[in-house]
């Protein structure tokens, strides 16, 4: 019989942009679910945040920041039509590049990752409470 599990993970960063390693929290969700075979979804519930899978390596995380800032620089704010009430147009663009969510197979009660794969929440317009959704389906 198929089971489902849902949990919201909350974050509040001290910086405008910050990468948070969330694999341990995701693994705890999987454990709580009791699901052994299925699929795990994790996605940002805010349009200026991302959830992605990559290597847990600080140099790479720095490279993401530098690369994204070249593609969609935060300033000057006046370069974006979206900016007016808010100053976060760059965060919307960066999120589009980094993606909204990840889906990970679950096999024998474990996240079925390739070598070095880990899950991250990437806050792109922080300093306020935001969340990601974890949804697990399977048996």
C-alpha atoms as a PDB file:
ATOM      1  CA  UNK A   1       0.000   0.000   0.000  1.00  0.00           C
ATOM      2  CA  UNK A   2       1.357   3.405  -0.982  1.00  0.00           C
ATOM      3  CA  UNK A   3       2.217   5.868   1.811  1.00  0.00           C
ATOM      4  CA  UNK A   4       2.758   9.614   1.654  1.00  0.00           C
ATOM      5  CA  UNK A   5       4.728  11.989   3.858  1.00  0.00           C
ATOM      6  CA  UNK A   6       4.868  15.799   3.888  1.00  0.00           C
ATOM      7  CA  UNK A   7       7.029  18.207   5.880  1.00  0.00           C
ATOM      8  CA  UNK A   8       8.070  21.834   5.555  1.00  0.00           C
ATOM      9  CA  UNK A   9      11.678  22.753   6.324  1.00  0.00           C
ATOM     10  CA  UNK A  10      12.075  26.355   7.483  1.00  0.00           C
ATOM     11  CA  UNK A  11      15.139  28.561   6.993  1.00  0.00           C
ATOM     12  CA  UNK A  12      16.138  32.083   7.975  1.00  0.00           C
ATOM     13  CA  UNK A  13      19.489  33.216   6.667  1.00  0.00           C
ATOM     14  CA  UNK A  14      21.601  36.061   8.005  1.00  0.00           C
ATOM     15  CA  UNK A  15      22.767  36.912   4.472  1.00  0.00           C
ATOM     16  CA  UNK A  16      20.972  37.779   1.260  1.00  0.00           C
ATOM     17  CA  UNK A  17      22.432  34.700  -0.488  1.00  0.00           C
ATOM     18  CA  UNK A  18      23.435  31.499   1.259  1.00  0.00           C
ATOM     19  CA  UNK A  19      23.748  27.804   0.389  1.00  0.00           C
ATOM     20  CA  UNK A  20      22.545  25.430   3.124  1.00  0.00           C
ATOM     21  CA  UNK A  21      23.387  21.714   3.058  1.00  0.00           C
ATOM     22  CA  UNK A  22      20.057  19.993   3.815  1.00  0.00           C
ATOM     23  CA  UNK A  23      20.815  16.323   3.079  1.00  0.00           C
ATOM     24  CA  UNK A  24      20.808  15.425   6.815  1.00  0.00           C
ATOM     25  CA  UNK A  25      17.336  16.985   7.249  1.00  0.00           C
ATOM     26  CA  UNK A  26      16.077  15.193   4.128  1.00  0.00           C
ATOM     27  CA  UNK A  27      17.444  11.867   5.405  1.00  0.00           C
ATOM     28  CA  UNK A  28      15.635  12.475   8.712  1.00  0.00           C
ATOM     29  CA  UNK A  29      12.396  13.068   6.791  1.00  0.00           C
ATOM     30  CA  UNK A  30      12.914   9.799   4.928  1.00  0.00           C
ATOM     31  CA  UNK A  31      13.479   7.984   8.217  1.00  0.00           C
ATOM     32  CA  UNK A  32      10.310   9.549   9.704  1.00  0.00           C
ATOM     33  CA  UNK A  33       8.293   8.513   6.643  1.00  0.00           C
ATOM     34  CA  UNK A  34       9.138   4.826   6.972  1.00  0.00           C
ATOM     35  CA  UNK A  35       9.084   4.584   3.180  1.00  0.00           C
ATOM     36  CA  UNK A  36      11.531   2.031   1.749  1.00  0.00           C
ATOM     37  CA  UNK A  37      10.830   2.277  -2.002  1.00  0.00           C
ATOM     38  CA  UNK A  38       9.545   5.371  -3.775  1.00  0.00           C
ATOM     39  CA  UNK A  39      10.361   8.951  -4.670  1.00  0.00           C
ATOM     40  CA  UNK A  40      11.337  11.982  -2.643  1.00  0.00           C
ATOM     41  CA  UNK A  41      10.557  15.487  -3.833  1.00  0.00           C
ATOM     42  CA  UNK A  42      12.104  18.581  -2.264  1.00  0.00           C
ATOM     43  CA  UNK A  43      11.340  22.025  -3.637  1.00  0.00           C
ATOM     44  CA  UNK A  44      11.600  25.662  -2.630  1.00  0.00           C
ATOM     45  CA  UNK A  45       8.238  27.213  -1.779  1.00  0.00           C
ATOM     46  CA  UNK A  46       9.474  30.715  -2.613  1.00  0.00           C
ATOM     47  CA  UNK A  47      10.237  32.157  -6.045  1.00  0.00           C
ATOM     48  CA  UNK A  48      13.598  33.559  -4.866  1.00  0.00           C
ATOM     49  CA  UNK A  49      15.068  30.317  -3.513  1.00  0.00           C
ATOM     50  CA  UNK A  50      16.304  27.083  -5.069  1.00  0.00           C
ATOM     51  CA  UNK A  51      16.780  23.449  -4.131  1.00  0.00           C
ATOM     52  CA  UNK A  52      19.484  21.659  -6.103  1.00  0.00           C
ATOM     53  CA  UNK A  53      21.746  18.615  -6.063  1.00  0.00           C
ATOM     54  CA  UNK A  54      25.495  18.909  -6.415  1.00  0.00           C
ATOM     55  CA  UNK A  55      28.819  18.345  -4.652  1.00  0.00           C
ATOM     56  CA  UNK A  56      29.229  19.524  -1.041  1.00  0.00           C
ATOM     57  CA  UNK A  57      32.393  21.475  -1.757  1.00  0.00           C
ATOM     58  CA  UNK A  58      32.902  25.080  -0.615  1.00  0.00           C
ATOM     59  CA  UNK A  59      34.955  26.079  -3.666  1.00  0.00           C
ATOM     60  CA  UNK A  60      32.147  24.977  -5.964  1.00  0.00           C
ATOM     61  CA  UNK A  61      29.599  26.862  -3.861  1.00  0.00           C
ATOM     62  CA  UNK A  62      31.735  29.996  -4.195  1.00  0.00           C
ATOM     63  CA  UNK A  63      31.908  29.402  -7.958  1.00  0.00           C
ATOM     64  CA  UNK A  64      28.078  29.231  -8.140  1.00  0.00           C
ATOM     65  CA  UNK A  65      27.879  32.608  -6.411  1.00  0.00           C
ATOM     66  CA  UNK A  66      30.446  34.227  -8.734  1.00  0.00           C
ATOM     67  CA  UNK A  67      28.882  32.699 -11.874  1.00  0.00           C
ATOM     68  CA  UNK A  68      25.326  33.693 -10.938  1.00  0.00           C
ATOM     69  CA  UNK A  69      26.411  37.199 -10.038  1.00  0.00           C
ATOM     70  CA  UNK A  70      27.960  37.563 -13.524  1.00  0.00           C
ATOM     71  CA  UNK A  71      24.760  36.319 -15.185  1.00  0.00           C
ATOM     72  CA  UNK A  72      22.336  38.361 -13.063  1.00  0.00           C
ATOM     73  CA  UNK A  73      24.169  40.942 -10.951  1.00  0.00           C
ATOM     74  CA  UNK A  74      22.324  42.196  -7.880  1.00  0.00           C
ATOM     75  CA  UNK A  75      23.249  45.844  -8.527  1.00  0.00           C
ATOM     76  CA  UNK A  76      22.507  48.319  -9.907  1.00  0.00           C
ATOM     77  CA  UNK A  77      18.905  47.647  -8.931  1.00  0.00           C
ATOM     78  CA  UNK A  78      17.765  50.071 -11.626  1.00  0.00           C
ATOM     79  CA  UNK A  79      18.826  47.667 -14.415  1.00  0.00           C
ATOM     80  CA  UNK A  80      15.720  45.521 -13.827  1.00  0.00           C
ATOM     81  CA  UNK A  81      12.144  46.378 -14.773  1.00  0.00           C
ATOM     82  CA  UNK A  82      10.898  44.181 -11.883  1.00  0.00           C
ATOM     83  CA  UNK A  83      12.642  46.267  -9.236  1.00  0.00           C
ATOM     84  CA  UNK A  84      10.518  49.001  -7.748  1.00  0.00           C
ATOM     85  CA  UNK A  85       8.791  47.944  -4.570  1.00  0.00           C
ATOM     86  CA  UNK A  86      11.377  45.182  -4.114  1.00  0.00           C
ATOM     87  CA  UNK A  87      15.029  44.921  -5.136  1.00  0.00           C
ATOM     88  CA  UNK A  88      15.156  41.194  -5.869  1.00  0.00           C
ATOM     89  CA  UNK A  89      14.868  40.782  -9.643  1.00  0.00           C
ATOM     90  CA  UNK A  90      18.320  39.195  -9.684  1.00  0.00           C
ATOM     91  CA  UNK A  91      17.151  36.547  -7.193  1.00  0.00           C
ATOM     92  CA  UNK A  92      14.256  35.569  -9.491  1.00  0.00           C
ATOM     93  CA  UNK A  93      16.667  35.144 -12.414  1.00  0.00           C
ATOM     94  CA  UNK A  94      19.223  33.202 -10.363  1.00  0.00           C
ATOM     95  CA  UNK A  95      16.504  30.847  -9.103  1.00  0.00           C
ATOM     96  CA  UNK A  96      15.448  30.115 -12.690  1.00  0.00           C
ATOM     97  CA  UNK A  97      19.004  29.019 -13.473  1.00  0.00           C
ATOM     98  CA  UNK A  98      19.479  26.945 -10.287  1.00  0.00           C
ATOM     99  CA  UNK A  99      16.064  25.317 -10.450  1.00  0.00           C
ATOM    100  CA  UNK A 100      13.094  24.891  -8.162  1.00  0.00           C
ATOM    101  CA  UNK A 101      13.247  21.298  -6.957  1.00  0.00           C
ATOM    102  CA  UNK A 102      14.876  17.899  -6.921  1.00  0.00           C
ATOM    103  CA  UNK A 103      13.471  14.387  -7.122  1.00  0.00           C
ATOM    104  CA  UNK A 104      15.484  11.536  -5.636  1.00  0.00           C
ATOM    105  CA  UNK A 105      14.671   7.811  -5.910  1.00  0.00           C
ATOM    106  CA  UNK A 106      14.394   5.903  -2.641  1.00  0.00           C
ATOM    107  CA  UNK A 107      15.795   2.372  -2.649  1.00  0.00           C
ATOM    108  CA  UNK A 108      15.876   0.138   0.418  1.00  0.00           C
ATOM    109  CA  UNK A 109      15.087   3.117   2.659  1.00  0.00           C
ATOM    110  CA  UNK A 110      17.996   5.256   1.386  1.00  0.00           C
ATOM    111  CA  UNK A 111      18.368   8.194  -0.981  1.00  0.00           C
ATOM    112  CA  UNK A 112      19.597   6.589  -4.202  1.00  0.00           C
ATOM    113  CA  UNK A 113      22.359   9.117  -4.981  1.00  0.00           C
ATOM    114  CA  UNK A 114      25.273   8.963  -7.368  1.00  0.00           C
ATOM    115  CA  UNK A 115      28.781   9.602  -6.034  1.00  0.00           C
ATOM    116  CA  UNK A 116      29.133  12.951  -4.223  1.00  0.00           C
ATOM    117  CA  UNK A 117      25.489  13.987  -4.698  1.00  0.00           C
ATOM    118  CA  UNK A 118      24.004  16.042  -1.863  1.00  0.00           C
ATOM    119  CA  UNK A 119      20.925  18.288  -1.551  1.00  0.00           C
ATOM    120  CA  UNK A 120      21.105  22.039  -0.937  1.00  0.00           C
ATOM    121  CA  UNK A 121      18.711  24.884  -0.252  1.00  0.00           C
ATOM    122  CA  UNK A 122      19.992  28.072  -1.922  1.00  0.00           C
ATOM    123  CA  UNK A 123      18.574  31.263  -0.478  1.00  0.00           C
ATOM    124  CA  UNK A 124      18.817  34.048  -3.044  1.00  0.00           C
ATOM    125  CA  UNK A 125      16.915  36.861  -1.296  1.00  0.00           C
ATOM    126  CA  UNK A 126      17.246  36.101   2.389  1.00  0.00           C
ATOM    127  CA  UNK A 127      17.103  37.605   5.850  1.00  0.00           C
ATOM    128  CA  UNK A 128      13.506  36.383   6.326  1.00  0.00           C
ATOM    129  CA  UNK A 129      11.810  33.065   7.057  1.00  0.00           C
ATOM    130  CA  UNK A 130      11.276  30.830   4.054  1.00  0.00           C
ATOM    131  CA  UNK A 131      10.630  27.153   3.502  1.00  0.00           C
ATOM    132  CA  UNK A 132      11.099  24.117   1.336  1.00  0.00           C
ATOM    133  CA  UNK A 133       8.598  21.300   0.943  1.00  0.00           C
ATOM    134  CA  UNK A 134       9.559  17.640   1.348  1.00  0.00           C
ATOM    135  CA  UNK A 135       7.045  15.178  -0.116  1.00  0.00           C
ATOM    136  CA  UNK A 136       7.745  11.435  -0.140  1.00  0.00           C
ATOM    137  CA  UNK A 137       5.581   8.801  -1.817  1.00  0.00           C
ATOM    138  CA  UNK A 138       6.090   5.074  -1.907  1.00  0.00           C
ATOM    139  CA  UNK A 139       5.815   1.990   0.231  1.00  0.00           C
END
